[in-house]
Amino acid sequence: MQKLFGQLGQGSEIKPPFRCDYGSHILAGERLFMNYDCVILDCNLVRIGDRVLFGPKVQIYTASHSLDPSVRKDSWEFALPIDIGSDVWIGGGAIICPGVTIGSGSTIGAGSVVTRDIPAGVLAAGNPCRVIRHVNNFGQ
């Protein structure tokens, strides 16, 4: 994995199977834990902070397609970066969409579809994912 990722911090563990487009666009900090069956479509940069936990089947998609069918017929895709802060827990089966930032200390509930930025220190869940509450006054 050290050769596959652009950066993979010490103490990281990735359970197979794991799939990605390139790997070189994934920059992960220390002690990343990625459970079974995770997918990262890293057509653009994916930054992952320290001590981040992924449940099984988490999917991170930087790739997207135009909503306009006349544009879509002539181009395959575009990609937007994703930034995940430190001390984040992403529950199993969550999907992180292109261009999203998840703030440090946040928890994303299992099965959530994250379509917009999530601030630091919150519990967020649902489809679309929304903030449920703040967690332990993180960062204050």
C-alpha atoms as a PDB file:
ATOM      1  CA  MET A   1       0.000   0.000   0.000  1.00  0.00           C
ATOM      2  CA  GLN A   2       2.925   2.362   0.615  1.00  0.00           C
ATOM      3  CA  LYS A   3       3.771   2.106  -3.096  1.00  0.00           C
ATOM      4  CA  LEU A   4       0.139   2.460  -4.217  1.00  0.00           C
ATOM      5  CA  PHE A   5      -0.837   5.534  -2.186  1.00  0.00           C
ATOM      6  CA  GLY A   6       0.597   8.996  -2.758  1.00  0.00           C
ATOM      7  CA  GLN A   7       1.106   9.029   1.023  1.00  0.00           C
ATOM      8  CA  LEU A   8       0.189   6.540   3.741  1.00  0.00           C
ATOM      9  CA  GLY A   9       1.070   7.372   7.332  1.00  0.00           C
ATOM     10  CA  GLN A  10       2.558   4.998   9.896  1.00  0.00           C
ATOM     11  CA  GLY A  11       0.320   2.538  11.683  1.00  0.00           C
ATOM     12  CA  SER A  12      -2.281   2.460   8.889  1.00  0.00           C
ATOM     13  CA  GLU A  13      -4.271  -0.688   8.137  1.00  0.00           C
ATOM     14  CA  ILE A  14      -6.333  -1.401   5.037  1.00  0.00           C
ATOM     15  CA  LYS A  15      -8.392  -4.597   4.953  1.00  0.00           C
ATOM     16  CA  PRO A  16      -8.723  -6.266   1.540  1.00  0.00           C
ATOM     17  CA  PRO A  17     -10.389  -6.078  -0.819  1.00  0.00           C
ATOM     18  CA  PHE A  18      -9.679  -2.400  -1.469  1.00  0.00           C
ATOM     19  CA  ARG A  19     -10.177  -0.730  -4.841  1.00  0.00           C
ATOM     20  CA  CYS A  20      -9.081   2.614  -6.266  1.00  0.00           C
ATOM     21  CA  ASP A  21      -8.513   4.251  -9.658  1.00  0.00           C
ATOM     22  CA  TYR A  22      -4.919   5.435  -9.250  1.00  0.00           C
ATOM     23  CA  GLY A  23      -3.881   5.357  -5.598  1.00  0.00           C
ATOM     24  CA  SER A  24      -1.280   8.046  -6.182  1.00  0.00           C
ATOM     25  CA  HIS A  25      -3.910  10.747  -5.573  1.00  0.00           C
ATOM     26  CA  ILE A  26      -4.685   9.439  -2.070  1.00  0.00           C
ATOM     27  CA  LEU A  27      -2.798  11.236   0.711  1.00  0.00           C
ATOM     28  CA  ALA A  28      -3.531   9.606   4.068  1.00  0.00           C
ATOM     29  CA  GLY A  29      -2.182  10.471   7.499  1.00  0.00           C
ATOM     30  CA  GLU A  30      -1.165   8.219  10.368  1.00  0.00           C
ATOM     31  CA  ARG A  31      -3.263   5.347  11.731  1.00  0.00           C
ATOM     32  CA  LEU A  32      -5.833   5.237   8.944  1.00  0.00           C
ATOM     33  CA  PHE A  33      -8.082   2.195   9.411  1.00  0.00           C
ATOM     34  CA  MET A  34     -10.053   1.122   6.367  1.00  0.00           C
ATOM     35  CA  ASN A  35     -12.337  -1.887   6.811  1.00  0.00           C
ATOM     36  CA  TYR A  36     -13.249  -4.444   4.110  1.00  0.00           C
ATOM     37  CA  ASP A  37     -14.543  -3.552   0.620  1.00  0.00           C
ATOM     38  CA  CYS A  38     -13.749   0.174   0.555  1.00  0.00           C
ATOM     39  CA  VAL A  39     -13.543   2.016  -2.795  1.00  0.00           C
ATOM     40  CA  ILE A  40     -11.812   5.315  -3.567  1.00  0.00           C
ATOM     41  CA  LEU A  41     -12.261   6.741  -7.079  1.00  0.00           C
ATOM     42  CA  ASP A  42      -9.271   9.059  -6.906  1.00  0.00           C
ATOM     43  CA  CYS A  43      -9.465  10.875 -10.243  1.00  0.00           C
ATOM     44  CA  ASN A  44      -8.665  13.954  -8.159  1.00  0.00           C
ATOM     45  CA  LEU A  45      -6.920  14.425  -4.829  1.00  0.00           C
ATOM     46  CA  VAL A  46      -8.282  12.664  -1.722  1.00  0.00           C
ATOM     47  CA  ARG A  47      -6.797  13.976   1.542  1.00  0.00           C
ATOM     48  CA  ILE A  48      -7.383  11.898   4.677  1.00  0.00           C
ATOM     49  CA  GLY A  49      -6.171  13.149   8.066  1.00  0.00           C
ATOM     50  CA  ASP A  50      -4.725  11.210  11.007  1.00  0.00           C
ATOM     51  CA  ARG A  51      -6.648   8.553  12.969  1.00  0.00           C
ATOM     52  CA  VAL A  52      -9.498   8.248  10.466  1.00  0.00           C
ATOM     53  CA  LEU A  53     -11.740   5.162  10.668  1.00  0.00           C
ATOM     54  CA  PHE A  54     -13.695   3.779   7.697  1.00  0.00           C
ATOM     55  CA  GLY A  55     -16.362   1.137   8.205  1.00  0.00           C
ATOM     56  CA  PRO A  56     -16.815  -1.597   5.608  1.00  0.00           C
ATOM     57  CA  LYS A  57     -17.931  -0.657   2.100  1.00  0.00           C
ATOM     58  CA  VAL A  58     -17.228   3.074   2.422  1.00  0.00           C
ATOM     59  CA  GLN A  59     -17.105   4.667  -1.021  1.00  0.00           C
ATOM     60  CA  ILE A  60     -15.291   7.902  -1.847  1.00  0.00           C
ATOM     61  CA  TYR A  61     -15.980   9.354  -5.289  1.00  0.00           C
ATOM     62  CA  THR A  62     -14.046  12.304  -6.723  1.00  0.00           C
ATOM     63  CA  ALA A  63     -15.383  11.461 -10.203  1.00  0.00           C
ATOM     64  CA  SER A  64     -18.650  12.885 -11.486  1.00  0.00           C
ATOM     65  CA  HIS A  65     -20.473  13.593 -14.735  1.00  0.00           C
ATOM     66  CA  SER A  66     -22.292  16.585 -16.177  1.00  0.00           C
ATOM     67  CA  LEU A  67     -26.020  16.854 -15.506  1.00  0.00           C
ATOM     68  CA  ASP A  68     -26.419  18.194 -19.053  1.00  0.00           C
ATOM     69  CA  PRO A  69     -26.809  15.233 -21.457  1.00  0.00           C
ATOM     70  CA  SER A  70     -25.436  17.244 -24.391  1.00  0.00           C
ATOM     71  CA  VAL A  71     -22.181  17.780 -22.451  1.00  0.00           C
ATOM     72  CA  ARG A  72     -22.165  14.252 -21.030  1.00  0.00           C
ATOM     73  CA  LYS A  73     -22.284  12.652 -24.506  1.00  0.00           C
ATOM     74  CA  ASP A  74     -18.958  14.297 -25.432  1.00  0.00           C
ATOM     75  CA  SER A  75     -17.007  13.915 -22.201  1.00  0.00           C
ATOM     76  CA  TRP A  76     -16.536  11.037 -19.790  1.00  0.00           C
ATOM     77  CA  GLU A  77     -16.142  12.773 -16.472  1.00  0.00           C
ATOM     78  CA  PHE A  78     -14.752  15.543 -14.333  1.00  0.00           C
ATOM     79  CA  ALA A  79     -13.413  15.220 -10.784  1.00  0.00           C
ATOM     80  CA  LEU A  80     -13.426  17.318  -7.623  1.00  0.00           C
ATOM     81  CA  PRO A  81     -11.125  16.840  -4.603  1.00  0.00           C
ATOM     82  CA  ILE A  82     -12.279  15.408  -1.277  1.00  0.00           C
ATOM     83  CA  ASP A  83     -10.821  16.417   2.089  1.00  0.00           C
ATOM     84  CA  ILE A  84     -11.409  14.391   5.269  1.00  0.00           C
ATOM     85  CA  GLY A  85     -10.009  15.884   8.485  1.00  0.00           C
ATOM     86  CA  SER A  86      -8.348  14.045  11.363  1.00  0.00           C
ATOM     87  CA  ASP A  87     -10.195  11.935  13.957  1.00  0.00           C
ATOM     88  CA  VAL A  88     -13.131  11.268  11.625  1.00  0.00           C
ATOM     89  CA  TRP A  89     -15.209   8.076  11.740  1.00  0.00           C
ATOM     90  CA  ILE A  90     -17.148   7.170   8.588  1.00  0.00           C
ATOM     91  CA  GLY A  91     -19.723   4.438   9.177  1.00  0.00           C
ATOM     92  CA  GLY A  92     -20.131   1.417   6.938  1.00  0.00           C
ATOM     93  CA  GLY A  93     -21.697   1.873   3.537  1.00  0.00           C
ATOM     94  CA  ALA A  94     -21.373   5.667   3.533  1.00  0.00           C
ATOM     95  CA  ILE A  95     -20.807   7.411   0.201  1.00  0.00           C
ATOM     96  CA  ILE A  96     -18.716  10.590   0.031  1.00  0.00           C
ATOM     97  CA  CYS A  97     -19.505  12.599  -3.117  1.00  0.00           C
ATOM     98  CA  PRO A  98     -17.148  14.773  -5.216  1.00  0.00           C
ATOM     99  CA  GLY A  99     -15.926  18.071  -3.775  1.00  0.00           C
ATOM    100  CA  VAL A 100     -16.911  17.342  -0.163  1.00  0.00           C
ATOM    101  CA  THR A 101     -14.944  18.355   2.934  1.00  0.00           C
ATOM    102  CA  ILE A 102     -15.542  16.588   6.253  1.00  0.00           C
ATOM    103  CA  GLY A 103     -14.241  18.515   9.256  1.00  0.00           C
ATOM    104  CA  SER A 104     -11.993  16.991  11.914  1.00  0.00           C
ATOM    105  CA  GLY A 105     -13.633  15.114  14.774  1.00  0.00           C
ATOM    106  CA  SER A 106     -16.860  14.405  12.924  1.00  0.00           C
ATOM    107  CA  THR A 107     -18.756  11.128  12.641  1.00  0.00           C
ATOM    108  CA  ILE A 108     -20.665  10.153   9.511  1.00  0.00           C
ATOM    109  CA  GLY A 109     -23.459   7.655  10.152  1.00  0.00           C
ATOM    110  CA  ALA A 110     -23.580   4.308   8.381  1.00  0.00           C
ATOM    111  CA  GLY A 111     -25.279   4.393   5.002  1.00  0.00           C
ATOM    112  CA  SER A 112     -25.101   8.184   4.696  1.00  0.00           C
ATOM    113  CA  VAL A 113     -24.717   9.942   1.353  1.00  0.00           C
ATOM    114  CA  VAL A 114     -22.533  13.011   1.909  1.00  0.00           C
ATOM    115  CA  THR A 115     -23.342  15.534  -0.819  1.00  0.00           C
ATOM    116  CA  ARG A 116     -22.114  18.719   0.875  1.00  0.00           C
ATOM    117  CA  ASP A 117     -19.481  19.850   3.366  1.00  0.00           C
ATOM    118  CA  ILE A 118     -19.762  18.660   6.974  1.00  0.00           C
ATOM    119  CA  PRO A 119     -18.290  20.908   9.699  1.00  0.00           C
ATOM    120  CA  ALA A 120     -15.849  19.780  12.386  1.00  0.00           C
ATOM    121  CA  GLY A 121     -17.042  18.052  15.547  1.00  0.00           C
ATOM    122  CA  VAL A 122     -20.498  16.884  14.535  1.00  0.00           C
ATOM    123  CA  LEU A 123     -22.533  13.732  14.109  1.00  0.00           C
ATOM    124  CA  ALA A 124     -24.034  13.772  10.619  1.00  0.00           C
ATOM    125  CA  ALA A 125     -26.175  11.113   8.958  1.00  0.00           C
ATOM    126  CA  GLY A 126     -28.820  10.423   6.358  1.00  0.00           C
ATOM    127  CA  ASN A 127     -29.472  10.706   2.649  1.00  0.00           C
ATOM    128  CA  PRO A 128     -28.648  13.417   2.009  1.00  0.00           C
ATOM    129  CA  CYS A 129     -26.334  13.595   5.010  1.00  0.00           C
ATOM    130  CA  ARG A 130     -27.124  16.390   7.450  1.00  0.00           C
ATOM    131  CA  VAL A 131     -25.833  17.489  10.836  1.00  0.00           C
ATOM    132  CA  ILE A 132     -27.691  15.801  13.703  1.00  0.00           C
ATOM    133  CA  ARG A 133     -25.818  17.374  16.620  1.00  0.00           C
ATOM    134  CA  HIS A 134     -22.460  18.639  17.847  1.00  0.00           C
ATOM    135  CA  VAL A 135     -20.174  16.127  19.577  1.00  0.00           C
ATOM    136  CA  ASN A 136     -18.452  16.934  22.901  1.00  0.00           C
ATOM    137  CA  ASN A 137     -17.773  20.598  22.052  1.00  0.00           C
ATOM    138  CA  PHE A 138     -15.020  19.467  19.672  1.00  0.00           C
ATOM    139  CA  GLY A 139     -12.584  22.244  18.839  1.00  0.00           C
ATOM    140  CA  GLN A 140     -13.949  24.700  21.400  1.00  0.00           C
END
